PDB file of N, CA and C in Angstrom:
ATOM      1  N   MET A   1      75.188 101.020 114.814  1.00  0.00           N
ATOM      2  CA  MET A   1      76.422 101.806 116.385  1.00  0.00           C
ATOM      3  C   MET A   1      77.496 101.912 115.325  1.00  0.00           C
ATOM      4  N   ILE A   2      78.037 103.129 115.780  1.00  0.00           N
ATOM      5  CA  ILE A   2      79.464 103.661 115.352  1.00  0.00           C
ATOM      6  C   ILE A   2      80.648 102.787 115.552  1.00  0.00           C
ATOM      7  N   LYS A   3      81.604 102.257 114.605  1.00  0.00           N
ATOM      8  CA  LYS A   3      82.771 101.431 115.658  1.00  0.00           C
ATOM      9  C   LYS A   3      83.698 102.431 115.428  1.00  0.00           C
ATOM     10  N   THR A   4      84.420 102.647 116.637  1.00  0.00           N
ATOM     11  CA  THR A   4      85.724 104.055 116.478  1.00  0.00           C
ATOM     12  C   THR A   4      86.758 102.868 116.777  1.00  0.00           C
ATOM     13  N   TRP A   5      88.051 103.476 116.100  1.00  0.00           N
ATOM     14  CA  TRP A   5      89.029 102.325 115.816  1.00  0.00           C
ATOM     15  C   TRP A   5      90.166 102.809 116.795  1.00  0.00           C
ATOM     16  N   GLY A   6      90.088 104.253 116.670  1.00  0.00           N
ATOM     17  CA  GLY A   6      91.469 104.580 117.826  1.00  0.00           C
ATOM     18  C   GLY A   6      92.202 105.081 116.737  1.00  0.00           C
ATOM     19  N   VAL A   7      93.625 105.430 117.524  1.00  0.00           N
ATOM     20  CA  VAL A   7      94.662 105.307 116.480  1.00  0.00           C
ATOM     21  C   VAL A   7      95.377 104.399 115.648  1.00  0.00           C
ATOM     22  N   ILE A   8      95.535 103.653 117.103  1.00  0.00           N
ATOM     23  CA  ILE A   8      96.327 101.743 116.221  1.00  0.00           C
ATOM     24  C   ILE A   8      95.467 101.113 115.318  1.00  0.00           C
ATOM     25  N   GLY A   9      93.808 101.554 115.701  1.00  0.00           N
ATOM     26  CA  GLY A   9      93.348 100.869 114.732  1.00  0.00           C
ATOM     27  C   GLY A   9      93.734 101.301 113.347  1.00  0.00           C
ATOM     28  N   THR A  10      93.412 102.385 113.571  1.00  0.00           N
ATOM     29  CA  THR A  10      93.310 103.343 111.680  1.00  0.00           C
ATOM     30  C   THR A  10      94.929 102.613 110.905  1.00  0.00           C
ATOM     31  N   ILE A  11      95.956 103.256 112.199  1.00  0.00           N
ATOM     32  CA  ILE A  11      97.482 102.750 111.725  1.00  0.00           C
ATOM     33  C   ILE A  11      97.506 101.280 111.262  1.00  0.00           C
ATOM     34  N   ARG A  12      96.981 100.511 111.777  1.00  0.00           N
ATOM     35  CA  ARG A  12      96.939  98.281 111.318  1.00  0.00           C
ATOM     36  C   ARG A  12      95.944  98.701 110.229  1.00  0.00           C
ATOM     37  N   HIS A  13      94.773  99.660 110.365  1.00  0.00           N
ATOM     38  CA  HIS A  13      93.623  99.642 109.027  1.00  0.00           C
ATOM     39  C   HIS A  13      94.835  99.556 107.687  1.00  0.00           C
ATOM     40  N   PHE A  14      95.182 101.017 107.957  1.00  0.00           N
ATOM     41  CA  PHE A  14      95.782 101.207 106.224  1.00  0.00           C
ATOM     42  C   PHE A  14      97.406 100.358 106.155  1.00  0.00           C
ATOM     43  N   THR A  15      97.535  99.673 107.283  1.00  0.00           N
ATOM     44  CA  THR A  15      99.042  99.137 107.100  1.00  0.00           C
ATOM     45  C   THR A  15      98.629  98.011 106.060  1.00  0.00           C
ATOM     46  N   CYS A  16      97.363  97.375 106.768  1.00  0.00           N
ATOM     47  CA  CYS A  16      96.661  96.109 105.977  1.00  0.00           C
ATOM     48  C   CYS A  16      96.908  97.008 104.051  1.00  0.00           C
ATOM     49  N   LEU A  17      96.160  97.550 104.530  1.00  0.00           N
ATOM     50  CA  LEU A  17      95.479  98.116 102.866  1.00  0.00           C
ATOM     51  C   LEU A  17      96.485  98.231 101.907  1.00  0.00           C
ATOM     52  N   LEU A  18      97.494  98.666 102.377  1.00  0.00           N
ATOM     53  CA  LEU A  18      98.949  99.413 101.636  1.00  0.00           C
ATOM     54  C   LEU A  18      99.915  97.461 101.445  1.00  0.00           C
ATOM     55  N   PHE A  19      99.475  96.737 102.367  1.00  0.00           N
ATOM     56  CA  PHE A  19     100.256  95.483 101.976  1.00  0.00           C
ATOM     57  C   PHE A  19      99.360  94.922 101.071  1.00  0.00           C
ATOM     58  N   GLY A  20      97.915  94.891 101.135  1.00  0.00           N
ATOM     59  CA  GLY A  20      97.379  94.658  99.529  1.00  0.00           C
ATOM     60  C   GLY A  20      97.704  94.728  98.948  1.00  0.00           C
ATOM     61  N   ILE A  21      97.473  96.022  98.650  1.00  0.00           N
ATOM     62  CA  ILE A  21      98.301  96.906  97.451  1.00  0.00           C
ATOM     63  C   ILE A  21      99.539  96.023  96.616  1.00  0.00           C
ATOM     64  N   ALA A  22     100.152  96.433  97.739  1.00  0.00           N
ATOM     65  CA  ALA A  22     101.712  96.447  97.435  1.00  0.00           C
ATOM     66  C   ALA A  22     102.107  94.115  96.816  1.00  0.00           C
ATOM     67  N   LEU A  23     100.962  93.801  97.747  1.00  0.00           N
ATOM     68  CA  LEU A  23     101.278  91.824  97.399  1.00  0.00           C
ATOM     69  C   LEU A  23     100.163  92.091  95.628  1.00  0.00           C
ATOM     70  N   MET A  24      99.543  92.920  95.709  1.00  0.00           N
ATOM     71  CA  MET A  24      98.432  92.656  94.317  1.00  0.00           C
ATOM     72  C   MET A  24      99.427  92.842  92.831  1.00  0.00           C
ATOM     73  N   ALA A  25     100.322  94.084  93.500  1.00  0.00           N
ATOM     74  CA  ALA A  25     100.909  94.576  92.327  1.00  0.00           C
ATOM     75  C   ALA A  25     102.333  93.787  91.884  1.00  0.00           C
ATOM     76  N   ALA A  26     102.789  93.332  93.036  1.00  0.00           N
ATOM     77  CA  ALA A  26     103.408  92.293  93.030  1.00  0.00           C
ATOM     78  C   ALA A  26     103.056  90.961  92.021  1.00  0.00           C
ATOM     79  N   SER A  27     102.603  90.520  92.257  1.00  0.00           N
ATOM     80  CA  SER A  27     101.958  89.007  91.767  1.00  0.00           C
ATOM     81  C   SER A  27     101.350  89.304  90.274  1.00  0.00           C
ATOM     82  N   VAL A  28     100.687  90.575  90.311  1.00  0.00           N
ATOM     83  CA  VAL A  28     100.417  90.962  88.226  1.00  0.00           C
ATOM     84  C   VAL A  28     101.885  91.577  87.782  1.00  0.00           C
ATOM     85  N   ALA A  29     102.818  91.531  88.599  1.00  0.00           N
ATOM     86  CA  ALA A  29     104.582  92.185  87.916  1.00  0.00           C
ATOM     87  C   ALA A  29     105.217  90.747  87.539  1.00  0.00           C
ATOM     88  N   LEU A  30     105.151  89.727  88.894  1.00  0.00           N
ATOM     89  CA  LEU A  30     105.199  88.719  88.116  1.00  0.00           C
ATOM     90  C   LEU A  30     104.849  88.189  87.127  1.00  0.00           C
ATOM     91  N   ALA A  31     103.212  88.073  87.444  1.00  0.00           N
ATOM     92  CA  ALA A  31     102.609  87.015  86.186  1.00  0.00           C
ATOM     93  C   ALA A  31     102.652  87.878  84.680  1.00  0.00           C
ATOM     94  N   LYS A  32     103.795  88.856  84.923  1.00  0.00           N
ATOM     95  CA  LYS A  32     103.459  89.636  82.834  1.00  0.00           C
ATOM     96  C   LYS A  32     105.092  89.120  82.247  1.00  0.00           C
ATOM     97  N   ILE A  33     105.832  89.055  84.053  1.00  0.00           N
ATOM     98  CA  ILE A  33     107.747  88.814  83.884  1.00  0.00           C
ATOM     99  C   ILE A  33     107.590  87.896  83.193  1.00  0.00           C
ATOM    100  N   ALA A  34     106.477  87.327  83.812  1.00  0.00           N
ATOM    101  CA  ALA A  34     107.158  85.076  83.341  1.00  0.00           C
ATOM    102  C   ALA A  34     105.552  84.852  82.311  1.00  0.00           C
ATOM    103  N   LEU A  35     105.234  85.910  81.438  1.00  0.00           N
ATOM    104  CA  LEU A  35     104.826  85.557  80.345  1.00  0.00           C
ATOM    105  C   LEU A  35     103.436  84.420  80.598  1.00  0.00           C
ATOM    106  N   LEU A  36     103.265  84.872  81.877  1.00  0.00           N
ATOM    107  CA  LEU A  36     101.535  83.883  81.357  1.00  0.00           C
ATOM    108  C   LEU A  36     100.414  84.578  81.129  1.00  0.00           C
ATOM    109  N   GLY A  37     100.378  85.787  81.045  1.00  0.00           N
ATOM    110  CA  GLY A  37      99.050  86.982  80.438  1.00  0.00           C
ATOM    111  C   GLY A  37      98.249  87.359  82.130  1.00  0.00           C
ATOM    112  N   THR A  38      97.935  88.438  81.465  1.00  0.00           N
ATOM    113  CA  THR A  38      97.191  88.692  82.567  1.00  0.00           C
ATOM    114  C   THR A  38      95.875  88.572  82.561  1.00  0.00           C
ATOM    115  N   SER A  39      95.002  88.797  83.125  1.00  0.00           N
ATOM    116  CA  SER A  39      93.527  88.733  83.904  1.00  0.00           C
ATOM    117  C   SER A  39      93.211  89.879  83.402  1.00  0.00           C
ATOM    118  N   PRO A  40      91.591  90.054  83.519  1.00  0.00           N
ATOM    119  CA  PRO A  40      90.646  90.966  82.643  1.00  0.00           C
ATOM    120  C   PRO A  40      90.564  91.848  84.078  1.00  0.00           C
ATOM    121  N   ILE A  41      90.458  90.688  85.480  1.00  0.00           N
ATOM    122  CA  ILE A  41      90.742  91.739  87.303  1.00  0.00           C
ATOM    123  C   ILE A  41      92.329  92.389  86.985  1.00  0.00           C
ATOM    124  N   SER A  42      93.155  92.061  86.778  1.00  0.00           N
ATOM    125  CA  SER A  42      94.798  92.541  86.987  1.00  0.00           C
ATOM    126  C   SER A  42      95.105  93.615  85.624  1.00  0.00           C
ATOM    127  N   SER A  43      93.962  93.662  85.176  1.00  0.00           N
ATOM    128  CA  SER A  43      93.864  94.866  83.858  1.00  0.00           C
ATOM    129  C   SER A  43      94.798  96.640  84.382  1.00  0.00           C
ATOM    130  N   ILE A  44      93.597  96.830  85.774  1.00  0.00           N
ATOM    131  CA  ILE A  44      93.802  98.510  85.817  1.00  0.00           C
ATOM    132  C   ILE A  44      94.997  98.329  86.667  1.00  0.00           C
ATOM    133  N   PRO A  45      95.874  97.279  87.758  1.00  0.00           N
ATOM    134  CA  PRO A  45      97.059  97.679  88.115  1.00  0.00           C
ATOM    135  C   PRO A  45      98.545  97.266  87.433  1.00  0.00           C
ATOM    136  N   MET A  46      97.717  96.787  86.467  1.00  0.00           N
ATOM    137  CA  MET A  46      99.001  96.266  85.279  1.00  0.00           C
ATOM    138  C   MET A  46      99.036  97.913  84.410  1.00  0.00           C
ATOM    139  N   CYS A  47      98.495  98.534  84.044  1.00  0.00           N
ATOM    140  CA  CYS A  47      98.728  99.702  83.698  1.00  0.00           C
ATOM    141  C   CYS A  47     100.084 100.594  85.107  1.00  0.00           C
ATOM    142  N   SER A  48     100.027 100.716  85.859  1.00  0.00           N
ATOM    143  CA  SER A  48     100.636 101.439  86.845  1.00  0.00           C
ATOM    144  C   SER A  48     102.069 100.640  86.907  1.00  0.00           C
ATOM    145  N   VAL A  49     102.054  99.043  86.707  1.00  0.00           N
ATOM    146  CA  VAL A  49     103.445  98.619  86.717  1.00  0.00           C
ATOM    147  C   VAL A  49     104.227  98.582  84.963  1.00  0.00           C
ATOM    148  N   SER A  50     103.180  98.654  83.851  1.00  0.00           N
ATOM    149  CA  SER A  50     104.297  98.809  82.801  1.00  0.00           C
ATOM    150  C   SER A  50     105.416 100.539  83.355  1.00  0.00           C
TER     151      SER A  50
END
């Protein structure tokens, strides 16, 4: 069964996606500023922060 979200559902979905990406980027930036080091999972977002 194919689920259709509609316009409101699609907007909500992409808003949540963008918020999650921004939150991850901010946490990687804070970890880098605090000199805590970065884990391997943070290596891809760290490239865009530096």
